[in-house]
Amino acid sequence: MKVDILASGSSGNCIALTAGNSTILVDAGIAKTKIEKRLMENGIEPGNILAIFVTHAHNDHVKGLPIAEKYHIPVYAGEEEWKSIKIVSEELRHSVYEHGFLLDPEGRNDWFIVEPFKTHHDAYDPRGYAVHTEEHKVSICLDTGRVDEDILAAMSGSDIYIIESNHDPVMVEHSDYPNSVKARIVSQVGHLSNMQTAEALVQLVQGRGEKIYLTHLSSNNNMPSLALMTTVRQLMKKGFKQDTHYEIEVF
């Protein structure tokens, strides 16, 4: 499976997963024209997108959903999350529950099984997604204040982990954000700190060459080197070495 992270962070999030000639998007949080441009830059025809899966309806995850109307792409989101999504026509709306979805385009030899799982964020019905193809499993967990046993179970056994490593709590505390915003970020329905992410990955990574993408870093309350170092150090305690037992990249 080919992974292209088209956008990551508070300014917008969009991830393309491609198997054969078919692509699905997880989130569409940048302008439609930017999504089209970045898809084409990565060799992906927008007309080959089978579906868009939305993690939740905050603007940095849904801003570009008009692309669904242009190319008639089905959009999937948690049932309650549709309360906050008004820019997708009724015929393209699909709700996800606890069961998986098989996307098997006629006339192609590529397919996806997409399994949603619940996350913990200040939205109506936020979700993460485990995506299977014939050869790979990719798990995507963005915007969650904590990682529980159900999330770990849903993500386990993946070849690729795409997970937010949003902030450093000390940097949040010393930021000039209002106290209400600080409290939201570090809450159980906010965002994962670097250490929370690292501790989750310690439980998930088995040292068999998995690829880790650290995403959704705060531009004000984190640094790529800090996010990377935190996960690498925790995995080292488990005996796993970067580029030997796993690969890691920060977005």
C-alpha atoms as a PDB file:
ATOM      1  CA  MET A   1       0.000   0.000   0.000  1.00  0.00           C
ATOM      2  CA  LYS A   2       1.253   3.460  -0.899  1.00  0.00           C
ATOM      3  CA  VAL A   3       0.835   6.171   1.764  1.00  0.00           C
ATOM      4  CA  ASP A   4       0.866   9.853   0.877  1.00  0.00           C
ATOM      5  CA  ILE A   5       0.323  12.343   3.681  1.00  0.00           C
ATOM      6  CA  LEU A   6      -0.963  15.295   1.702  1.00  0.00           C
ATOM      7  CA  ALA A   7      -1.399  17.572   4.731  1.00  0.00           C
ATOM      8  CA  SER A   8      -0.849  17.289   8.468  1.00  0.00           C
ATOM      9  CA  GLY A   9      -1.343  19.679  11.369  1.00  0.00           C
ATOM     10  CA  SER A  10      -3.778  22.268  12.664  1.00  0.00           C
ATOM     11  CA  SER A  11      -3.883  23.933   9.224  1.00  0.00           C
ATOM     12  CA  GLY A  12      -5.293  20.798   7.619  1.00  0.00           C
ATOM     13  CA  ASN A  13      -5.116  17.006   7.420  1.00  0.00           C
ATOM     14  CA  CYS A  14      -5.461  14.685   4.446  1.00  0.00           C
ATOM     15  CA  ILE A  15      -4.026  11.200   3.930  1.00  0.00           C
ATOM     16  CA  ALA A  16      -4.149   9.180   0.705  1.00  0.00           C
ATOM     17  CA  LEU A  17      -3.903   5.383   0.768  1.00  0.00           C
ATOM     18  CA  THR A  18      -3.427   3.712  -2.613  1.00  0.00           C
ATOM     19  CA  ALA A  19      -3.624   0.063  -3.633  1.00  0.00           C
ATOM     20  CA  GLY A  20      -3.197  -0.634  -7.316  1.00  0.00           C
ATOM     21  CA  ASN A  21      -5.213   1.959  -9.205  1.00  0.00           C
ATOM     22  CA  SER A  22      -7.562   2.769  -6.337  1.00  0.00           C
ATOM     23  CA  THR A  23      -7.192   5.372  -3.585  1.00  0.00           C
ATOM     24  CA  ILE A  24      -9.099   6.263  -0.445  1.00  0.00           C
ATOM     25  CA  LEU A  25      -8.683   9.472   1.515  1.00  0.00           C
ATOM     26  CA  VAL A  26      -8.777   9.794   5.269  1.00  0.00           C
ATOM     27  CA  ASP A  27      -9.902  13.365   5.962  1.00  0.00           C
ATOM     28  CA  ALA A  28     -10.013  16.252   3.518  1.00  0.00           C
ATOM     29  CA  GLY A  29      -8.968  19.182   5.660  1.00  0.00           C
ATOM     30  CA  ILE A  30      -7.388  21.492   3.094  1.00  0.00           C
ATOM     31  CA  ALA A  31      -8.976  23.338   0.191  1.00  0.00           C
ATOM     32  CA  LYS A  32     -10.335  21.211  -2.651  1.00  0.00           C
ATOM     33  CA  THR A  33      -7.921  22.714  -5.165  1.00  0.00           C
ATOM     34  CA  LYS A  34      -4.952  21.954  -2.901  1.00  0.00           C
ATOM     35  CA  ILE A  35      -6.075  18.343  -2.519  1.00  0.00           C
ATOM     36  CA  GLU A  36      -6.354  17.995  -6.285  1.00  0.00           C
ATOM     37  CA  LYS A  37      -2.903  19.519  -6.801  1.00  0.00           C
ATOM     38  CA  ARG A  38      -1.220  17.323  -4.188  1.00  0.00           C
ATOM     39  CA  LEU A  39      -2.938  14.202  -5.485  1.00  0.00           C
ATOM     40  CA  MET A  40      -1.664  14.896  -8.977  1.00  0.00           C
ATOM     41  CA  GLU A  41       1.836  15.625  -7.643  1.00  0.00           C
ATOM     42  CA  ASN A  42       1.793  12.135  -6.136  1.00  0.00           C
ATOM     43  CA  GLY A  43       0.558  10.463  -9.294  1.00  0.00           C
ATOM     44  CA  ILE A  44      -3.040  10.000  -8.106  1.00  0.00           C
ATOM     45  CA  GLU A  45      -6.016  10.789 -10.321  1.00  0.00           C
ATOM     46  CA  PRO A  46      -8.803  12.366  -8.242  1.00  0.00           C
ATOM     47  CA  GLY A  47     -11.286  10.333 -10.285  1.00  0.00           C
ATOM     48  CA  ASN A  48      -9.771   7.133  -8.900  1.00  0.00           C
ATOM     49  CA  ILE A  49     -10.708   7.950  -5.294  1.00  0.00           C
ATOM     50  CA  LEU A  50     -13.157   5.317  -4.064  1.00  0.00           C
ATOM     51  CA  ALA A  51     -14.182   7.006  -0.812  1.00  0.00           C
ATOM     52  CA  ILE A  52     -13.329   9.612   1.797  1.00  0.00           C
ATOM     53  CA  PHE A  53     -13.341   8.579   5.451  1.00  0.00           C
ATOM     54  CA  VAL A  54     -13.715  11.438   7.934  1.00  0.00           C
ATOM     55  CA  THR A  55     -12.221  11.170  11.414  1.00  0.00           C
ATOM     56  CA  HIS A  56     -14.363  14.052  12.713  1.00  0.00           C
ATOM     57  CA  ALA A  57     -15.951  17.255  11.510  1.00  0.00           C
ATOM     58  CA  HIS A  58     -13.534  19.941  12.687  1.00  0.00           C
ATOM     59  CA  ASN A  59     -12.581  22.273   9.852  1.00  0.00           C
ATOM     60  CA  ASP A  60      -8.981  21.068   9.573  1.00  0.00           C
ATOM     61  CA  HIS A  61     -10.371  17.639   8.649  1.00  0.00           C
ATOM     62  CA  VAL A  62     -13.346  18.492   6.414  1.00  0.00           C
ATOM     63  CA  LYS A  63     -12.587  21.820   4.708  1.00  0.00           C
ATOM     64  CA  GLY A  64     -11.967  20.161   1.334  1.00  0.00           C
ATOM     65  CA  LEU A  65     -15.032  17.912   1.237  1.00  0.00           C
ATOM     66  CA  PRO A  66     -16.428  19.795  -1.792  1.00  0.00           C
ATOM     67  CA  ILE A  67     -14.043  17.530  -3.729  1.00  0.00           C
ATOM     68  CA  ALA A  68     -16.559  14.752  -3.036  1.00  0.00           C
ATOM     69  CA  GLU A  69     -19.263  16.629  -4.914  1.00  0.00           C
ATOM     70  CA  LYS A  70     -17.004  17.353  -7.877  1.00  0.00           C
ATOM     71  CA  TYR A  71     -15.947  13.721  -8.361  1.00  0.00           C
ATOM     72  CA  HIS A  72     -19.037  12.068  -6.850  1.00  0.00           C
ATOM     73  CA  ILE A  73     -17.026  10.373  -4.081  1.00  0.00           C
ATOM     74  CA  PRO A  74     -18.871   8.637  -1.218  1.00  0.00           C
ATOM     75  CA  VAL A  75     -18.038  10.112   2.193  1.00  0.00           C
ATOM     76  CA  TYR A  76     -18.051   8.042   5.387  1.00  0.00           C
ATOM     77  CA  ALA A  77     -18.213   9.418   8.941  1.00  0.00           C
ATOM     78  CA  GLY A  78     -19.534   8.462  12.359  1.00  0.00           C
ATOM     79  CA  GLU A  79     -23.324   8.585  12.342  1.00  0.00           C
ATOM     80  CA  GLU A  80     -23.552  11.441  14.859  1.00  0.00           C
ATOM     81  CA  GLU A  81     -20.748  13.357  13.158  1.00  0.00           C
ATOM     82  CA  TRP A  82     -23.054  14.210  10.272  1.00  0.00           C
ATOM     83  CA  LYS A  83     -24.673  16.766  12.575  1.00  0.00           C
ATOM     84  CA  SER A  84     -21.606  18.941  11.929  1.00  0.00           C
ATOM     85  CA  ILE A  85     -21.067  18.202   8.232  1.00  0.00           C
ATOM     86  CA  LYS A  86     -23.297  20.237   5.938  1.00  0.00           C
ATOM     87  CA  ILE A  87     -21.266  20.384   2.722  1.00  0.00           C
ATOM     88  CA  VAL A  88     -21.895  16.834   1.469  1.00  0.00           C
ATOM     89  CA  SER A  89     -25.076  15.974  -0.424  1.00  0.00           C
ATOM     90  CA  GLU A  90     -27.386  13.344   1.008  1.00  0.00           C
ATOM     91  CA  GLU A  91     -26.669  10.817  -1.746  1.00  0.00           C
ATOM     92  CA  LEU A  92     -22.951  10.762  -0.904  1.00  0.00           C
ATOM     93  CA  ARG A  93     -23.351  10.438   2.872  1.00  0.00           C
ATOM     94  CA  HIS A  94     -22.617   7.134   4.593  1.00  0.00           C
ATOM     95  CA  SER A  95     -22.429   6.422   8.321  1.00  0.00           C
ATOM     96  CA  VAL A  96     -19.865   4.129   9.913  1.00  0.00           C
ATOM     97  CA  TYR A  97     -20.658   1.977  12.891  1.00  0.00           C
ATOM     98  CA  GLU A  98     -18.498  -0.778  14.417  1.00  0.00           C
ATOM     99  CA  HIS A  99     -18.362  -3.110  11.411  1.00  0.00           C
ATOM    100  CA  GLY A 100     -15.914  -2.895   8.538  1.00  0.00           C
ATOM    101  CA  PHE A 101     -16.551  -1.771   4.970  1.00  0.00           C
ATOM    102  CA  LEU A 102     -15.423  -3.642   1.875  1.00  0.00           C
ATOM    103  CA  LEU A 103     -14.534  -1.376  -1.039  1.00  0.00           C
ATOM    104  CA  ASP A 104     -14.090  -3.651  -4.039  1.00  0.00           C
ATOM    105  CA  PRO A 105     -14.285  -1.684  -7.297  1.00  0.00           C
ATOM    106  CA  GLU A 106     -15.637  -3.652 -10.216  1.00  0.00           C
ATOM    107  CA  GLY A 107     -13.083  -4.482 -12.860  1.00  0.00           C
ATOM    108  CA  ARG A 108     -10.060  -3.872 -10.609  1.00  0.00           C
ATOM    109  CA  ASN A 109      -7.855  -6.246  -8.660  1.00  0.00           C
ATOM    110  CA  ASP A 110      -7.471  -3.914  -5.685  1.00  0.00           C
ATOM    111  CA  TRP A 111      -9.720  -3.680  -2.647  1.00  0.00           C
ATOM    112  CA  PHE A 112      -9.844  -2.173   0.821  1.00  0.00           C
ATOM    113  CA  ILE A 113     -11.465  -3.262   4.035  1.00  0.00           C
ATOM    114  CA  VAL A 114     -11.901  -0.263   6.321  1.00  0.00           C
ATOM    115  CA  GLU A 115     -12.642  -0.873  10.004  1.00  0.00           C
ATOM    116  CA  PRO A 116     -13.664   2.174  12.075  1.00  0.00           C
ATOM    117  CA  PHE A 117     -12.912   2.491  15.771  1.00  0.00           C
ATOM    118  CA  LYS A 118     -13.978   5.088  18.305  1.00  0.00           C
ATOM    119  CA  THR A 119     -11.558   7.765  19.463  1.00  0.00           C
ATOM    120  CA  HIS A 120     -11.815  10.408  22.209  1.00  0.00           C
ATOM    121  CA  HIS A 121     -12.115  13.965  20.953  1.00  0.00           C
ATOM    122  CA  ASP A 122     -14.462  16.898  21.464  1.00  0.00           C
ATOM    123  CA  ALA A 123     -16.638  16.011  18.489  1.00  0.00           C
ATOM    124  CA  TYR A 124     -19.956  14.174  18.195  1.00  0.00           C
ATOM    125  CA  ASP A 125     -18.689  10.800  16.937  1.00  0.00           C
ATOM    126  CA  PRO A 126     -14.935  10.807  16.209  1.00  0.00           C
ATOM    127  CA  ARG A 127     -13.310   7.790  14.605  1.00  0.00           C
ATOM    128  CA  GLY A 128     -10.003   6.260  13.679  1.00  0.00           C
ATOM    129  CA  TYR A 129      -9.626   3.730  10.896  1.00  0.00           C
ATOM    130  CA  ALA A 130      -7.774   0.457  10.330  1.00  0.00           C
ATOM    131  CA  VAL A 131      -7.390  -0.130   6.601  1.00  0.00           C
ATOM    132  CA  HIS A 132      -6.613  -3.557   5.152  1.00  0.00           C
ATOM    133  CA  THR A 133      -5.526  -4.561   1.677  1.00  0.00           C
ATOM    134  CA  GLU A 134      -4.456  -7.983   0.477  1.00  0.00           C
ATOM    135  CA  GLU A 135      -0.928  -7.414   1.768  1.00  0.00           C
ATOM    136  CA  HIS A 136      -0.980  -4.630   4.363  1.00  0.00           C
ATOM    137  CA  LYS A 137      -2.759  -3.097   7.336  1.00  0.00           C
ATOM    138  CA  VAL A 138      -2.560   0.622   8.042  1.00  0.00           C
ATOM    139  CA  SER A 139      -3.971   2.200  11.196  1.00  0.00           C
ATOM    140  CA  ILE A 140      -4.801   5.892  11.412  1.00  0.00           C
ATOM    141  CA  CYS A 141      -5.459   7.548  14.773  1.00  0.00           C
ATOM    142  CA  LEU A 142      -5.750  11.338  14.783  1.00  0.00           C
ATOM    143  CA  ASP A 143      -7.159  13.783  17.304  1.00  0.00           C
ATOM    144  CA  THR A 144      -7.741  11.740  20.423  1.00  0.00           C
ATOM    145  CA  GLY A 145      -7.136  12.676  24.033  1.00  0.00           C
ATOM    146  CA  ARG A 146      -6.202   9.144  25.043  1.00  0.00           C
ATOM    147  CA  VAL A 147      -5.514   5.694  23.656  1.00  0.00           C
ATOM    148  CA  ASP A 148      -7.600   2.994  25.323  1.00  0.00           C
ATOM    149  CA  GLU A 149      -7.593  -0.793  25.051  1.00  0.00           C
ATOM    150  CA  ASP A 150     -10.169  -0.797  22.268  1.00  0.00           C
ATOM    151  CA  ILE A 151      -8.029   1.536  20.164  1.00  0.00           C
ATOM    152  CA  LEU A 152      -4.943  -0.588  20.775  1.00  0.00           C
ATOM    153  CA  ALA A 153      -6.852  -3.730  19.804  1.00  0.00           C
ATOM    154  CA  ALA A 154      -8.123  -2.120  16.598  1.00  0.00           C
ATOM    155  CA  MET A 155      -4.653  -0.898  15.601  1.00  0.00           C
ATOM    156  CA  SER A 156      -2.654  -3.975  16.601  1.00  0.00           C
ATOM    157  CA  GLY A 157      -0.869  -5.971  13.933  1.00  0.00           C
ATOM    158  CA  SER A 158      -0.481  -3.049  11.545  1.00  0.00           C
ATOM    159  CA  ASP A 159       2.381  -2.681   9.110  1.00  0.00           C
ATOM    160  CA  ILE A 160       1.994   1.096   9.146  1.00  0.00           C
ATOM    161  CA  TYR A 161       0.946   3.332  12.054  1.00  0.00           C
ATOM    162  CA  ILE A 162      -0.193   6.885  11.345  1.00  0.00           C
ATOM    163  CA  ILE A 163      -0.779   8.554  14.687  1.00  0.00           C
ATOM    164  CA  GLU A 164      -0.796  12.063  16.064  1.00  0.00           C
ATOM    165  CA  SER A 165       2.025  13.238  18.308  1.00  0.00           C
ATOM    166  CA  ASN A 166       0.508  16.608  18.936  1.00  0.00           C
ATOM    167  CA  HIS A 167       2.186  18.420  21.792  1.00  0.00           C
ATOM    168  CA  ASP A 168       4.583  18.636  24.678  1.00  0.00           C
ATOM    169  CA  PRO A 169       2.605  19.396  27.874  1.00  0.00           C
ATOM    170  CA  VAL A 170       5.303  21.710  29.257  1.00  0.00           C
ATOM    171  CA  MET A 171       5.238  23.769  26.073  1.00  0.00           C
ATOM    172  CA  VAL A 172       1.443  23.931  26.264  1.00  0.00           C
ATOM    173  CA  GLU A 173       1.605  25.117  29.872  1.00  0.00           C
ATOM    174  CA  HIS A 174       4.063  27.884  28.995  1.00  0.00           C
ATOM    175  CA  SER A 175       2.279  28.939  25.835  1.00  0.00           C
ATOM    176  CA  ASP A 176       0.254  32.127  25.532  1.00  0.00           C
ATOM    177  CA  TYR A 177      -2.933  30.175  24.867  1.00  0.00           C
ATOM    178  CA  PRO A 178      -5.928  30.952  27.097  1.00  0.00           C
ATOM    179  CA  ASN A 179      -6.260  28.560  30.012  1.00  0.00           C
ATOM    180  CA  SER A 180      -9.425  27.114  28.503  1.00  0.00           C
ATOM    181  CA  VAL A 181      -7.544  26.168  25.331  1.00  0.00           C
ATOM    182  CA  LYS A 182      -4.653  24.682  27.321  1.00  0.00           C
ATOM    183  CA  ALA A 183      -7.110  22.586  29.312  1.00  0.00           C
ATOM    184  CA  ARG A 184      -8.802  21.361  26.138  1.00  0.00           C
ATOM    185  CA  ILE A 185      -5.543  20.286  24.474  1.00  0.00           C
ATOM    186  CA  VAL A 186      -4.351  18.154  27.395  1.00  0.00           C
ATOM    187  CA  SER A 187      -7.800  16.797  28.297  1.00  0.00           C
ATOM    188  CA  GLN A 188      -9.149  13.280  27.762  1.00  0.00           C
ATOM    189  CA  VAL A 189     -10.941  14.587  24.661  1.00  0.00           C
ATOM    190  CA  GLY A 190      -8.091  16.729  23.359  1.00  0.00           C
ATOM    191  CA  HIS A 191      -4.881  15.622  21.685  1.00  0.00           C
ATOM    192  CA  LEU A 192      -2.130  13.099  22.356  1.00  0.00           C
ATOM    193  CA  SER A 193       1.102  14.308  23.879  1.00  0.00           C
ATOM    194  CA  ASN A 194       4.413  12.993  22.583  1.00  0.00           C
ATOM    195  CA  MET A 195       4.676  10.651  25.564  1.00  0.00           C
ATOM    196  CA  GLN A 196       1.132   9.320  25.172  1.00  0.00           C
ATOM    197  CA  THR A 197       1.887   8.522  21.559  1.00  0.00           C
ATOM    198  CA  ALA A 198       5.201   6.889  22.418  1.00  0.00           C
ATOM    199  CA  GLU A 199       3.599   4.745  25.119  1.00  0.00           C
ATOM    200  CA  ALA A 200       0.908   3.588  22.701  1.00  0.00           C
ATOM    201  CA  LEU A 201       3.506   2.682  20.091  1.00  0.00           C
ATOM    202  CA  VAL A 202       5.499   0.703  22.642  1.00  0.00           C
ATOM    203  CA  GLN A 203       2.441  -1.509  23.022  1.00  0.00           C
ATOM    204  CA  LEU A 204       1.816  -1.753  19.286  1.00  0.00           C
ATOM    205  CA  VAL A 205       5.182  -2.068  17.565  1.00  0.00           C
ATOM    206  CA  GLN A 206       6.566  -5.598  17.405  1.00  0.00           C
ATOM    207  CA  GLY A 207       9.910  -4.795  15.781  1.00  0.00           C
ATOM    208  CA  ARG A 208       9.147  -6.457  12.452  1.00  0.00           C
ATOM    209  CA  GLY A 209       9.916  -3.469  10.266  1.00  0.00           C
ATOM    210  CA  GLU A 210       6.767  -1.438  10.874  1.00  0.00           C
ATOM    211  CA  LYS A 211       6.599   2.107   9.518  1.00  0.00           C
ATOM    212  CA  ILE A 212       5.525   4.893  11.891  1.00  0.00           C
ATOM    213  CA  TYR A 213       4.289   8.291  10.763  1.00  0.00           C
ATOM    214  CA  LEU A 214       4.023  10.884  13.545  1.00  0.00           C
ATOM    215  CA  THR A 215       1.464  13.451  12.448  1.00  0.00           C
ATOM    216  CA  HIS A 216      -0.678  16.411  13.496  1.00  0.00           C
ATOM    217  CA  LEU A 217       2.168  18.129  15.386  1.00  0.00           C
ATOM    218  CA  SER A 218       1.305  21.466  16.936  1.00  0.00           C
ATOM    219  CA  SER A 219       3.280  24.264  15.313  1.00  0.00           C
ATOM    220  CA  ASN A 220       3.346  26.170  18.613  1.00  0.00           C
ATOM    221  CA  ASN A 221       3.616  23.472  21.261  1.00  0.00           C
ATOM    222  CA  ASN A 222       5.885  20.847  19.760  1.00  0.00           C
ATOM    223  CA  MET A 223       9.023  20.311  17.705  1.00  0.00           C
ATOM    224  CA  PRO A 224       9.577  17.501  15.194  1.00  0.00           C
ATOM    225  CA  SER A 225      12.838  16.528  16.863  1.00  0.00           C
ATOM    226  CA  LEU A 226      11.151  16.312  20.265  1.00  0.00           C
ATOM    227  CA  ALA A 227       8.291  14.175  18.974  1.00  0.00           C
ATOM    228  CA  LEU A 228      10.758  11.876  17.220  1.00  0.00           C
ATOM    229  CA  MET A 229      13.122  11.594  20.187  1.00  0.00           C
ATOM    230  CA  THR A 230      10.314  10.760  22.622  1.00  0.00           C
ATOM    231  CA  THR A 231       9.074   7.783  20.601  1.00  0.00           C
ATOM    232  CA  VAL A 232      12.560   6.564  19.676  1.00  0.00           C
ATOM    233  CA  ARG A 233      13.666   6.597  23.333  1.00  0.00           C
ATOM    234  CA  GLN A 234      10.595   4.702  24.531  1.00  0.00           C
ATOM    235  CA  LEU A 235      10.975   2.053  21.842  1.00  0.00           C
ATOM    236  CA  MET A 236      14.657   1.758  22.681  1.00  0.00           C
ATOM    237  CA  LYS A 237      13.647   0.771  26.225  1.00  0.00           C
ATOM    238  CA  LYS A 238      11.804  -2.149  24.613  1.00  0.00           C
ATOM    239  CA  GLY A 239      14.994  -3.099  22.761  1.00  0.00           C
ATOM    240  CA  PHE A 240      13.881  -1.750  19.390  1.00  0.00           C
ATOM    241  CA  LYS A 241      16.265   0.363  17.308  1.00  0.00           C
ATOM    242  CA  GLN A 242      15.234   2.883  14.697  1.00  0.00           C
ATOM    243  CA  ASP A 243      15.874   1.697  11.103  1.00  0.00           C
ATOM    244  CA  THR A 244      16.575  -1.808  12.386  1.00  0.00           C
ATOM    245  CA  HIS A 245      13.306  -2.881  13.966  1.00  0.00           C
ATOM    246  CA  TYR A 246      11.090  -0.087  12.617  1.00  0.00           C
ATOM    247  CA  GLU A 247      11.132   3.068  10.507  1.00  0.00           C
ATOM    248  CA  ILE A 248       9.782   6.418  11.649  1.00  0.00           C
ATOM    249  CA  GLU A 249       8.996   9.714   9.943  1.00  0.00           C
ATOM    250  CA  VAL A 250       7.621  12.970  11.354  1.00  0.00           C
ATOM    251  CA  PHE A 251       5.120  15.177   9.520  1.00  0.00           C
END
